[in-house]
Protein backbone atom coordinates (compact mmCIF):
# COMPACT_ATOMS: atom_id res chain seq x y z
CA MET A 1 -29.89 -1.83 -5.91
CA THR A 2 -27.12 -2.90 -3.54
CA THR A 3 -23.48 -3.23 -4.48
CA SER A 4 -23.61 -7.02 -4.18
CA GLU A 5 -26.68 -7.17 -6.46
CA LEU A 6 -24.92 -5.03 -9.06
CA ARG A 7 -21.81 -7.19 -8.93
CA ASN A 8 -23.85 -10.36 -9.26
CA LYS A 9 -25.58 -8.99 -12.36
CA VAL A 10 -22.26 -7.94 -13.92
CA ASP A 11 -20.72 -11.32 -13.04
CA ARG A 12 -23.63 -13.08 -14.75
CA ILE A 13 -23.16 -11.02 -17.93
CA TRP A 14 -19.41 -11.60 -17.74
CA GLY A 15 -20.08 -15.33 -17.45
CA TYR A 16 -22.09 -15.31 -20.67
CA MET A 17 -19.12 -13.77 -22.47
CA TRP A 18 -16.66 -16.31 -21.06
CA ALA A 19 -18.96 -19.21 -21.87
CA GLY A 20 -19.04 -17.96 -25.47
CA GLY A 21 -15.25 -18.02 -25.70
CA ILE A 22 -14.46 -14.32 -25.06
CA THR A 23 -12.02 -14.66 -22.16
CA ASN A 24 -9.67 -11.67 -22.42
CA PRO A 25 -10.93 -9.20 -19.78
CA LEU A 26 -10.11 -6.16 -21.93
CA THR A 27 -12.01 -7.64 -24.86
CA VAL A 28 -15.00 -8.41 -22.63
CA ILE A 29 -15.00 -4.82 -21.31
CA GLU A 30 -14.68 -3.49 -24.86
CA GLN A 31 -17.67 -5.49 -26.13
CA LEU A 32 -19.81 -4.67 -23.09
CA THR A 33 -18.88 -0.99 -23.42
CA TYR A 34 -20.18 -0.96 -27.00
CA LEU A 35 -23.50 -2.41 -25.87
CA MET A 36 -23.77 -0.11 -22.83
CA PHE A 37 -23.09 2.81 -25.16
CA ILE A 38 -25.82 1.65 -27.56
CA LYS A 39 -28.27 1.51 -24.66
CA SER A 40 -27.18 4.94 -23.38
CA LEU A 41 -27.87 6.44 -26.83
CA ASP A 42 -31.47 5.22 -26.60
CA ASP A 43 -31.76 6.53 -23.02
CA ARG A 44 -30.48 9.91 -24.16
CA GLU A 45 -32.91 9.97 -27.08
CA THR A 46 -35.76 9.23 -24.68
CA GLU A 47 -34.68 12.19 -22.53
CA ASN A 48 -34.59 14.42 -25.63
CA GLU A 49 -38.13 13.37 -26.51
CA ALA A 50 -39.34 14.23 -23.01
CA GLU A 51 -37.61 17.64 -23.16
CA GLU A 52 -39.26 18.38 -26.51
CA VAL A 53 -42.68 17.93 -24.93
CA VAL A 54 -41.82 20.23 -22.02
CA LEU A 55 -39.97 22.89 -24.02
CA GLN A 56 -42.16 22.70 -27.11
CA VAL A 57 -39.10 22.84 -29.37
CA LYS A 58 -37.45 20.41 -31.76
CA LEU A 59 -34.15 19.04 -30.45
CA PRO A 60 -31.45 17.30 -32.52
CA ARG A 61 -32.08 13.58 -32.77
CA ILE A 62 -29.57 10.76 -32.49
CA PHE A 63 -31.71 8.29 -34.44
CA PRO A 64 -33.27 9.57 -37.69
CA GLU A 65 -36.81 8.50 -38.55
CA ASP A 66 -35.56 5.68 -40.76
CA LYS A 67 -33.24 4.39 -37.99
CA GLN A 68 -35.73 4.02 -35.15
CA HIS A 69 -35.49 0.23 -35.33
CA LEU A 70 -31.85 0.57 -34.20
CA ARG A 71 -32.86 1.84 -30.77
CA TRP A 72 -32.27 -0.50 -27.83
CA ARG A 73 -35.92 -0.48 -26.85
CA ASN A 74 -36.93 -1.63 -30.33
CA PHE A 75 -34.54 -4.57 -30.75
CA LYS A 76 -34.02 -5.87 -27.20
CA ASP A 77 -37.20 -7.99 -27.19
CA LEU A 78 -36.77 -9.48 -30.67
CA ASP A 79 -35.98 -13.15 -31.11
CA ALA A 80 -32.25 -13.94 -30.83
CA GLN A 81 -31.56 -14.31 -34.54
CA SER A 82 -33.36 -11.11 -35.56
CA MET A 83 -31.64 -9.16 -32.77
CA TYR A 84 -28.24 -10.49 -33.78
CA GLU A 85 -28.69 -9.53 -37.43
CA ILE A 86 -29.81 -5.99 -36.58
CA VAL A 87 -27.02 -5.35 -34.06
CA GLN A 88 -24.27 -6.87 -36.18
CA GLN A 89 -25.34 -5.55 -39.59
CA GLU A 90 -26.96 -2.20 -38.71
CA VAL A 91 -26.56 -0.99 -35.11
CA PHE A 92 -22.81 -1.51 -34.86
CA PRO A 93 -22.03 0.16 -38.22
CA PHE A 94 -24.36 3.00 -37.15
CA ILE A 95 -22.44 3.76 -33.92
CA LYS A 96 -19.11 3.53 -35.77
CA GLU A 97 -20.29 6.30 -38.08
CA LEU A 98 -22.16 8.22 -35.40
CA ASN A 99 -19.74 11.13 -35.16
CA GLY A 100 -19.36 12.71 -38.56
CA ASP A 101 -16.05 14.34 -37.66
CA LYS A 102 -13.51 11.79 -38.90
CA THR A 103 -10.74 13.47 -36.89
CA SER A 104 -12.47 13.08 -33.52
CA ALA A 105 -11.18 10.61 -30.96
CA TYR A 106 -14.42 8.68 -31.16
CA SER A 107 -14.26 8.24 -34.94
CA LYS A 108 -10.53 7.52 -34.85
CA TYR A 109 -10.75 4.65 -32.38
CA MET A 110 -14.11 3.29 -33.47
CA LYS A 111 -12.99 2.78 -37.07
CA ASP A 112 -11.02 -0.30 -35.98
CA ALA A 113 -13.67 -1.53 -33.54
CA MET A 114 -15.00 -5.02 -34.14
CA PHE A 115 -18.21 -6.63 -32.97
CA ILE A 116 -17.09 -10.15 -32.04
CA ILE A 117 -19.96 -11.65 -30.04
CA PRO A 118 -20.09 -14.98 -31.87
CA GLU A 119 -23.70 -16.15 -31.80
CA PRO A 120 -27.30 -14.94 -31.30
CA MET A 121 -28.19 -16.69 -28.04
CA MET A 122 -25.14 -15.20 -26.33
CA LEU A 123 -26.04 -11.69 -27.51
CA GLU A 124 -29.63 -12.12 -26.34
CA LYS A 125 -28.47 -13.09 -22.84
CA VAL A 126 -26.01 -10.17 -22.66
CA VAL A 127 -28.58 -7.65 -23.91
CA THR A 128 -31.13 -8.92 -21.37
CA GLY A 129 -28.52 -8.62 -18.61
CA ILE A 130 -27.52 -5.08 -19.58
CA SER A 131 -31.20 -4.06 -19.73
CA GLU A 132 -31.42 -4.89 -16.02
CA LEU A 133 -28.49 -2.62 -15.08
CA PRO A 134 -29.31 0.88 -13.73
CA LEU A 135 -27.32 2.74 -16.38
CA LYS A 136 -29.45 5.89 -16.07
CA ASP A 137 -28.06 6.46 -12.58
CA ARG A 138 -24.71 8.18 -13.13
CA ASP A 139 -23.13 7.04 -9.86
CA LEU A 140 -24.27 3.45 -10.25
CA LYS A 141 -23.10 3.44 -13.88
CA GLY A 142 -19.71 4.58 -12.61
CA ASP A 143 -19.73 1.80 -9.99
CA ILE A 144 -20.58 -0.77 -12.66
CA TYR A 145 -17.82 0.41 -14.95
CA GLU A 146 -15.33 0.51 -12.09
CA TYR A 147 -16.23 -3.04 -11.12
CA MET A 148 -15.75 -4.19 -14.70
CA LEU A 149 -12.36 -2.48 -14.91
CA GLY A 150 -11.46 -4.15 -11.63
CA LYS A 151 -11.52 -7.49 -13.42
CA ILE A 152 -8.29 -6.51 -15.18
CA GLN A 153 -6.13 -8.28 -12.62
CA ALA A 154 -2.61 -7.53 -13.88
CA SER A 155 -0.70 -4.27 -14.08
CA GLY A 156 0.57 -3.11 -17.44
CA GLN A 157 4.07 -3.75 -18.65
CA ASN A 158 5.31 -0.37 -17.44
CA GLY A 159 3.79 -0.69 -13.98
CA GLN A 160 0.51 1.19 -14.43
CA PHE A 161 -2.32 0.19 -12.09
CA ARG A 162 -6.04 0.81 -12.16
CA THR A 163 -6.67 3.73 -9.83
CA PRO A 164 -9.50 3.09 -7.35
CA ARG A 165 -12.49 5.28 -8.15
CA HIS A 166 -12.79 6.69 -4.63
CA ILE A 167 -9.14 7.86 -4.74
CA ILE A 168 -9.77 9.50 -8.11
CA LYS A 169 -12.85 11.28 -6.76
CA MET A 170 -10.88 12.46 -3.72
CA MET A 171 -8.19 13.99 -5.93
CA VAL A 172 -10.79 15.72 -8.11
CA GLU A 173 -12.53 17.10 -5.00
CA LEU A 174 -9.21 18.48 -3.78
CA MET A 175 -8.48 20.18 -7.11
CA GLU A 176 -12.02 21.60 -7.63
CA PRO A 177 -12.11 21.81 -11.46
CA GLU A 178 -13.58 25.02 -12.90
CA PRO A 179 -15.56 25.52 -16.15
CA GLU A 180 -12.62 27.39 -17.71
CA ASP A 181 -10.05 24.66 -17.02
CA LEU A 182 -8.13 22.69 -19.61
CA ILE A 183 -7.75 19.30 -17.96
CA CYS A 184 -5.24 16.64 -18.96
CA ASP A 185 -4.21 13.13 -17.98
CA PRO A 186 -1.04 12.27 -19.93
CA ALA A 187 -1.33 8.57 -19.01
CA CYS A 188 -5.10 8.29 -19.13
CA GLY A 189 -5.76 4.54 -19.38
CA THR A 190 -9.56 4.25 -19.38
CA ALA A 191 -10.00 8.00 -18.62
CA GLY A 192 -11.04 7.61 -14.99
CA PHE A 193 -9.69 11.00 -13.91
CA LEU A 194 -11.26 12.81 -16.86
CA VAL A 195 -14.64 11.15 -16.25
CA ALA A 196 -14.53 12.07 -12.55
CA ALA A 197 -13.65 15.67 -13.41
CA SER A 198 -16.57 15.85 -15.85
CA GLU A 199 -18.92 14.46 -13.18
CA TYR A 200 -17.66 17.00 -10.64
CA LEU A 201 -18.34 19.84 -13.08
CA MET A 202 -21.84 18.55 -13.77
CA ASP A 203 -22.52 18.50 -10.01
CA LYS A 204 -20.95 21.84 -9.10
CA HIS A 205 -21.27 23.90 -12.29
CA LYS A 206 -24.38 22.81 -14.16
CA GLU A 207 -24.75 26.37 -15.36
CA LEU A 208 -21.98 25.80 -17.90
CA LEU A 209 -24.46 23.81 -20.01
CA TYR A 210 -26.55 26.94 -20.44
CA ASP A 211 -23.68 29.09 -21.66
CA LYS A 212 -23.01 28.37 -25.32
CA ALA A 213 -19.27 29.02 -25.21
CA GLN A 214 -18.72 27.13 -21.94
CA LYS A 215 -20.78 24.19 -23.14
CA LYS A 216 -18.77 23.93 -26.35
CA HIS A 217 -15.55 24.12 -24.32
CA TYR A 218 -16.80 21.33 -22.02
CA LEU A 219 -17.88 19.05 -24.86
CA THR A 220 -14.91 19.52 -27.19
CA ARG A 221 -11.81 21.15 -25.66
CA MET A 222 -11.74 20.78 -21.90
CA PHE A 223 -10.59 17.15 -21.56
CA SER A 224 -7.41 15.67 -23.02
CA GLY A 225 -6.00 12.21 -22.43
CA PHE A 226 -3.08 10.32 -23.93
CA ASP A 227 -1.99 6.70 -23.87
CA THR A 228 0.00 4.23 -25.97
CA ASP A 229 -2.47 1.33 -25.74
CA GLN A 230 -5.04 1.36 -28.54
CA THR A 231 -7.53 -0.77 -26.65
CA MET A 232 -7.33 1.52 -23.62
CA LEU A 233 -7.80 4.54 -25.88
CA ARG A 234 -10.93 3.04 -27.44
CA ILE A 235 -12.38 2.27 -24.00
CA ALA A 236 -11.40 5.77 -22.80
CA ALA A 237 -13.14 7.45 -25.74
CA MET A 238 -16.26 5.35 -25.19
CA ASN A 239 -16.13 5.98 -21.44
CA MET A 240 -16.09 9.74 -21.98
CA MET A 241 -18.98 9.56 -24.43
CA LEU A 242 -20.91 7.35 -22.01
CA HIS A 243 -20.55 10.31 -19.64
CA ASN A 244 -21.86 12.73 -22.30
CA VAL A 245 -18.55 14.34 -23.26
CA GLU A 246 -19.12 14.26 -27.00
CA GLN A 247 -15.66 14.95 -28.43
CA PRO A 248 -12.92 14.32 -25.88
CA ASN A 249 -9.33 14.80 -27.00
CA ILE A 250 -8.27 11.20 -26.47
CA HIS A 251 -5.14 10.48 -28.51
CA TYR A 252 -2.39 7.97 -29.06
CA LYS A 253 0.71 9.70 -27.76
CA ASP A 254 3.93 8.80 -26.01
CA SER A 255 3.72 11.62 -23.52
CA LEU A 256 7.41 11.50 -22.57
CA SER A 257 8.77 11.62 -26.11
CA SER A 258 9.89 14.64 -28.10
CA GLN A 259 6.78 14.16 -30.26
CA ASN A 260 4.70 15.50 -27.39
CA THR A 261 4.91 19.25 -27.84
CA ASP A 262 2.27 20.20 -25.26
CA ARG A 263 4.04 22.81 -23.17
CA SER A 264 2.55 25.51 -20.89
CA LYS A 265 -0.90 24.45 -22.07
CA TYR A 266 -3.05 22.92 -19.34
CA SER A 267 -4.50 24.47 -16.21
CA LEU A 268 -5.10 21.17 -14.39
CA ILE A 269 -3.37 17.79 -14.55
CA LEU A 270 -4.79 14.76 -12.76
CA ALA A 271 -2.79 11.57 -13.15
CA ASN A 272 -1.52 8.25 -11.92
CA PRO A 273 1.45 7.79 -14.26
CA PRO A 274 3.22 4.44 -14.72
CA PHE A 275 5.54 3.35 -11.93
CA THR A 276 8.73 1.30 -12.31
CA GLY A 277 9.06 1.86 -16.04
CA SER A 278 12.48 2.54 -17.57
CA LEU A 279 13.12 4.32 -20.86
CA ASP A 280 16.17 4.99 -23.00
CA TYR A 281 17.41 8.57 -22.95
CA GLU A 282 17.10 8.75 -26.74
CA GLY A 283 13.34 8.32 -26.53
CA VAL A 284 12.74 11.07 -23.96
CA ALA A 285 12.17 14.77 -24.65
CA SER A 286 15.34 16.73 -23.91
CA ASP A 287 13.61 19.39 -21.79
CA LEU A 288 12.39 16.68 -19.41
CA LEU A 289 15.91 15.30 -19.03
CA ALA A 290 17.08 18.84 -18.29
CA ILE A 291 14.91 18.83 -15.15
CA SER A 292 15.96 15.36 -14.03
CA LYS A 293 18.25 13.15 -16.09
CA THR A 294 16.78 9.73 -15.44
CA LYS A 295 15.29 6.71 -17.15
CA LYS A 296 12.60 6.28 -14.48
CA THR A 297 9.11 7.01 -15.80
CA GLU A 298 7.73 8.17 -12.44
CA LEU A 299 10.32 10.98 -12.34
CA LEU A 300 10.05 11.85 -16.03
CA PHE A 301 6.28 12.24 -15.69
CA MET A 302 6.75 14.69 -12.83
CA GLY A 303 8.97 16.74 -15.13
CA LEU A 304 6.35 16.49 -17.86
CA PHE A 305 3.63 17.81 -15.56
CA ILE A 306 5.75 20.86 -14.80
CA LYS A 307 6.39 21.52 -18.48
CA ALA A 308 2.82 20.82 -19.66
CA LEU A 309 1.13 23.13 -17.13
CA ARG A 310 0.67 26.81 -17.79
CA VAL A 311 1.83 29.20 -15.04
CA GLY A 312 -0.84 29.08 -12.32
CA GLY A 313 -1.84 25.58 -13.34
CA ARG A 314 -2.13 22.92 -10.68
CA CYS A 315 -1.45 19.21 -10.50
CA ALA A 316 -2.49 16.28 -8.32
CA SER A 317 -0.61 13.10 -9.11
CA ILE A 318 -0.16 9.74 -7.46
CA VAL A 319 3.52 8.92 -6.97
CA PRO A 320 5.32 5.91 -5.51
CA ASP A 321 6.93 6.66 -2.16
CA GLY A 322 10.38 6.42 -3.73
CA VAL A 323 9.77 9.73 -5.49
CA LEU A 324 9.48 11.36 -2.07
CA PHE A 325 12.69 10.06 -0.50
CA GLY A 326 14.82 8.40 -3.21
CA SER A 327 18.48 9.26 -2.74
CA SER A 328 19.65 9.39 -6.37
CA ARG A 329 20.54 12.71 -7.95
CA ALA A 330 17.54 12.44 -10.27
CA HIS A 331 15.15 11.96 -7.32
CA LYS A 332 16.62 14.92 -5.46
CA ASN A 333 16.57 17.13 -8.55
CA ILE A 334 12.86 16.64 -9.19
CA ARG A 335 12.03 17.37 -5.53
CA LYS A 336 14.29 20.42 -5.54
CA GLU A 337 12.55 21.66 -8.69
CA LEU A 338 9.15 21.37 -7.01
CA VAL A 339 10.26 23.03 -3.77
CA GLU A 340 12.50 25.78 -5.15
CA ASN A 341 10.98 26.69 -8.53
CA GLN A 342 7.31 25.75 -8.12
CA ASN A 343 4.79 25.92 -5.27
CA LEU A 344 4.66 22.54 -3.57
CA ILE A 345 1.37 22.53 -1.68
CA GLY A 346 0.75 19.15 -0.12
CA ILE A 347 1.65 15.48 0.26
CA ILE A 348 -1.00 12.90 1.22
CA SER A 349 0.63 9.65 2.29
CA MET A 350 -1.58 6.65 1.46
CA PRO A 351 -1.45 3.16 3.01
CA SER A 352 0.22 0.45 0.94
CA GLY A 353 -3.00 -1.55 0.50
CA VAL A 354 -4.73 1.09 -1.65
CA PHE A 355 -3.71 -0.64 -4.88
CA LYS A 356 -4.38 -4.19 -3.76
CA PRO A 357 -4.95 -6.77 -5.15
CA TYR A 358 -2.79 -5.47 -8.03
CA ALA A 359 0.19 -4.29 -5.99
CA GLY A 360 1.22 -3.55 -2.43
CA VAL A 361 3.26 -0.50 -3.39
CA SER A 362 3.22 2.48 -1.01
CA THR A 363 2.06 5.68 -2.67
CA ALA A 364 1.21 9.30 -2.02
CA VAL A 365 -0.74 12.10 -3.69
CA LEU A 366 1.53 15.01 -4.54
CA ILE A 367 -0.09 18.42 -5.12
CA PHE A 368 1.65 21.45 -6.57
CA MET A 369 1.09 24.63 -8.57
CA LYS A 370 3.33 25.71 -11.43
CA THR A 371 4.82 29.16 -10.88
CA ASP A 372 8.32 28.94 -12.41
CA ALA A 373 9.19 31.46 -9.69
CA GLY A 374 9.05 29.46 -6.45
CA GLY A 375 6.42 30.08 -3.81
CA THR A 376 6.77 27.04 -1.57
CA SER A 377 6.59 28.09 2.07
CA ASP A 378 4.96 25.50 4.31
CA VAL A 379 4.04 22.09 2.88
CA TRP A 380 0.89 20.38 4.18
CA PHE A 381 1.27 16.67 5.05
CA TYR A 382 -1.55 14.20 5.78
CA ASP A 383 -1.09 10.64 6.99
CA MET A 384 -3.99 8.64 5.52
CA GLU A 385 -4.51 5.49 7.56
CA ALA A 386 -7.80 4.25 6.07
CA ASP A 387 -9.63 4.85 2.77
CA GLY A 388 -12.93 3.16 3.54
CA PHE A 389 -11.81 -0.31 2.45
CA SER A 390 -9.83 -3.09 4.07
CA LEU A 391 -6.16 -3.04 3.09
CA ASP A 392 -6.01 -6.71 2.13
CA ASP A 393 -6.61 -8.31 -1.26
CA LYS A 394 -10.40 -8.40 -0.69
CA ARG A 395 -10.72 -4.61 -0.21
CA SER A 396 -14.04 -4.95 1.62
CA GLU A 397 -15.88 -1.81 2.73
CA ILE A 398 -15.16 -0.69 6.31
CA GLU A 399 -16.26 2.24 8.46
CA GLU A 400 -12.82 3.79 8.92
CA ASN A 401 -12.28 6.35 6.18
CA ASP A 402 -9.98 9.40 6.26
CA ILE A 403 -11.03 10.74 2.85
CA PRO A 404 -13.83 13.09 4.03
CA ASP A 405 -11.44 14.46 6.67
CA ILE A 406 -8.67 14.91 4.08
CA ILE A 407 -10.94 16.93 1.79
CA ALA A 408 -12.32 19.09 4.62
CA ARG A 409 -8.94 19.80 6.19
CA TYR A 410 -7.16 20.42 2.89
CA LYS A 411 -9.71 23.08 1.98
CA ASN A 412 -9.24 24.71 5.40
CA ARG A 413 -5.58 23.89 5.88
CA GLU A 414 -4.55 27.46 6.64
CA ASN A 415 -6.40 27.11 9.94
CA GLU A 416 -4.10 24.29 11.02
CA LYS A 417 -0.73 26.04 10.94
CA ASP A 418 -0.24 25.43 14.66
CA ASN A 419 -0.91 21.68 14.59
CA ASP A 420 1.67 19.53 16.31
CA ARG A 421 3.10 16.61 14.37
CA LYS A 422 1.49 13.86 16.38
CA GLY A 423 -1.86 14.05 14.56
CA LYS A 424 -2.94 13.08 11.05
CA CYS A 425 -1.93 16.35 9.39
CA PHE A 426 0.57 19.13 9.93
CA PHE A 427 2.77 21.67 8.12
CA VAL A 428 6.51 21.49 7.51
CA SER A 429 8.46 24.62 6.61
CA LYS A 430 10.40 24.89 3.38
CA LYS A 431 13.59 25.49 5.37
CA GLU A 432 13.23 22.21 7.24
CA ILE A 433 12.60 20.34 3.99
CA VAL A 434 15.68 21.90 2.40
CA ASP A 435 17.75 21.07 5.50
CA ASN A 436 16.65 17.44 5.12
CA GLY A 437 17.89 17.18 1.54
CA TYR A 438 14.41 17.85 0.08
CA ASP A 439 13.09 14.65 1.66
CA LEU A 440 9.28 14.64 1.35
CA SER A 441 8.42 11.42 3.17
CA ILE A 442 5.97 11.98 5.99
CA ASN A 443 7.92 9.67 8.33
CA ARG A 444 10.81 12.10 8.25
CA TYR A 445 8.68 14.76 9.97
CA LYS A 446 5.89 13.04 11.90
CA GLU A 447 6.33 12.73 15.64
CA ILE A 448 5.37 9.37 17.07
CA GLU A 449 4.23 9.39 20.67
CA TYR A 450 5.15 6.25 22.54
CA GLU A 451 3.13 5.21 25.57
CA LYS A 452 5.13 4.17 28.58
CA VAL A 453 4.25 0.62 29.62
CA GLU A 454 4.81 -0.44 33.21
CA TYR A 455 5.76 -4.10 33.70
CA ALA A 456 5.79 -6.12 36.92
CA PRO A 457 9.19 -6.95 38.42
CA PRO A 458 10.87 -10.06 36.89
CA GLU A 459 10.46 -12.01 40.15
CA GLU A 460 6.67 -11.57 40.05
CA ILE A 461 6.48 -12.57 36.37
CA LEU A 462 8.54 -15.74 37.06
CA ASP A 463 6.31 -16.61 40.03
CA GLU A 464 3.22 -16.28 37.78
CA ILE A 465 4.78 -18.53 35.12
CA ILE A 466 5.70 -21.19 37.73
CA GLY A 467 2.16 -21.03 39.14
CA LEU A 468 0.66 -21.51 35.66
CA GLU A 469 2.94 -24.48 35.00
CA GLU A 470 1.86 -26.10 38.29
CA GLU A 471 -1.81 -25.65 37.33
CA ILE A 472 -1.19 -27.20 33.89
CA THR A 473 0.66 -30.18 35.45
CA LYS A 474 -2.17 -30.74 37.94
CA SER A 475 -4.80 -30.62 35.16
CA LEU A 476 -2.83 -33.10 33.05
CA GLN A 477 -2.59 -35.55 36.01
CA GLU A 478 -6.36 -35.29 36.56
CA LEU A 479 -6.93 -35.94 32.87
CA ARG A 480 -4.66 -39.03 32.96
CA GLY A 481 -6.65 -40.39 35.87
CA MET A 482 -9.85 -40.15 33.80
CA VAL A 483 -8.38 -42.20 30.91
């Protein structure tokens, strides 16, 4: 199924919701997520049944014998009224109670969930539409969910933006999550980074599912995400479970406050923290202010990443360009901390259109390792010019795409120490960065090669212009004679 076909199907389902009076994009996504989750439970049960036949063993069931009528396959073809009664009165209460652990993120955020599709015919149309979506294909399911999230047109009040899925996947590829990692996104939104990390692990380390301890770690402890928006948290918890992470640690938490006591805990942080937010000093943890006394959320989050990582832990975060070259003391302090006390590894400068149509802000991916003992020597810079999509509001797919090159060259960056600074990537020594006041903007160091253009002498150019004017005058006189 092509991308345009998928989008048309999603748009049709979305239209049913709007026609029924559900017009808030987050509410639409929430309701559709519930139904997609219900269908995925049936798909998973079908897979379990097939495995039982092959393995000749009994596997745990999602739907008990007396609940088989709650499976998608068994209610999707009922008449509208019967379907509505079963989904509203039985299926929805069933999924709310699905996880018996009342302290889990799923149980916590589902307890307040409400099924608000108002009438049977609307539900029937939505269920029929979802049945036609290829939700068994993990990549296509991710594309569908990403497209749905893309319908949230505005940024949040603190400047957070939906991170494009291909940028998330690039950052995960660069960080190469391992089965032993503890992975966190302290501003998780809909859990895009955590989902991408879980998908990467399923692709690269499927063996972890066959090790009892590693599997338990993957399903219950590996992924942590925090946010202060209850709706986002509910969607995040559902999103993780849609991707088979049974008990993600998705919690309501103001990550920058003193109530967040996660210190020296995680081995990997992947994030796109809020930009342009401003907080009062009183509401910020004192150890973060000790690194950089500021009210700016983008700087405070950088301090948080340093504090939340264990020694040897690594971080890839999107930052606004101002973090890289801002001249305030707070900006300089956070950059000095990264260069002098941690191991700053790389800066990937991204074009300003990456976040369109939501914002035209220029951003970069900043990569570092926590050491608390320095270690920065040469910092790797890459000037991304294209990400596979046009840099206008339409963001149409194009051929030009630096992302595969970024991943390949980052993983082999030690072979490029002798690169000059006229190409896409190069190294800059710590000494040069220090000498430039810890400025980390790529434009400070990149060499631009100007081509010499030879022009004709002014007399020749004037003669050409006069000749053109004479031709135009002659043509106009001929035209007048024809009138």
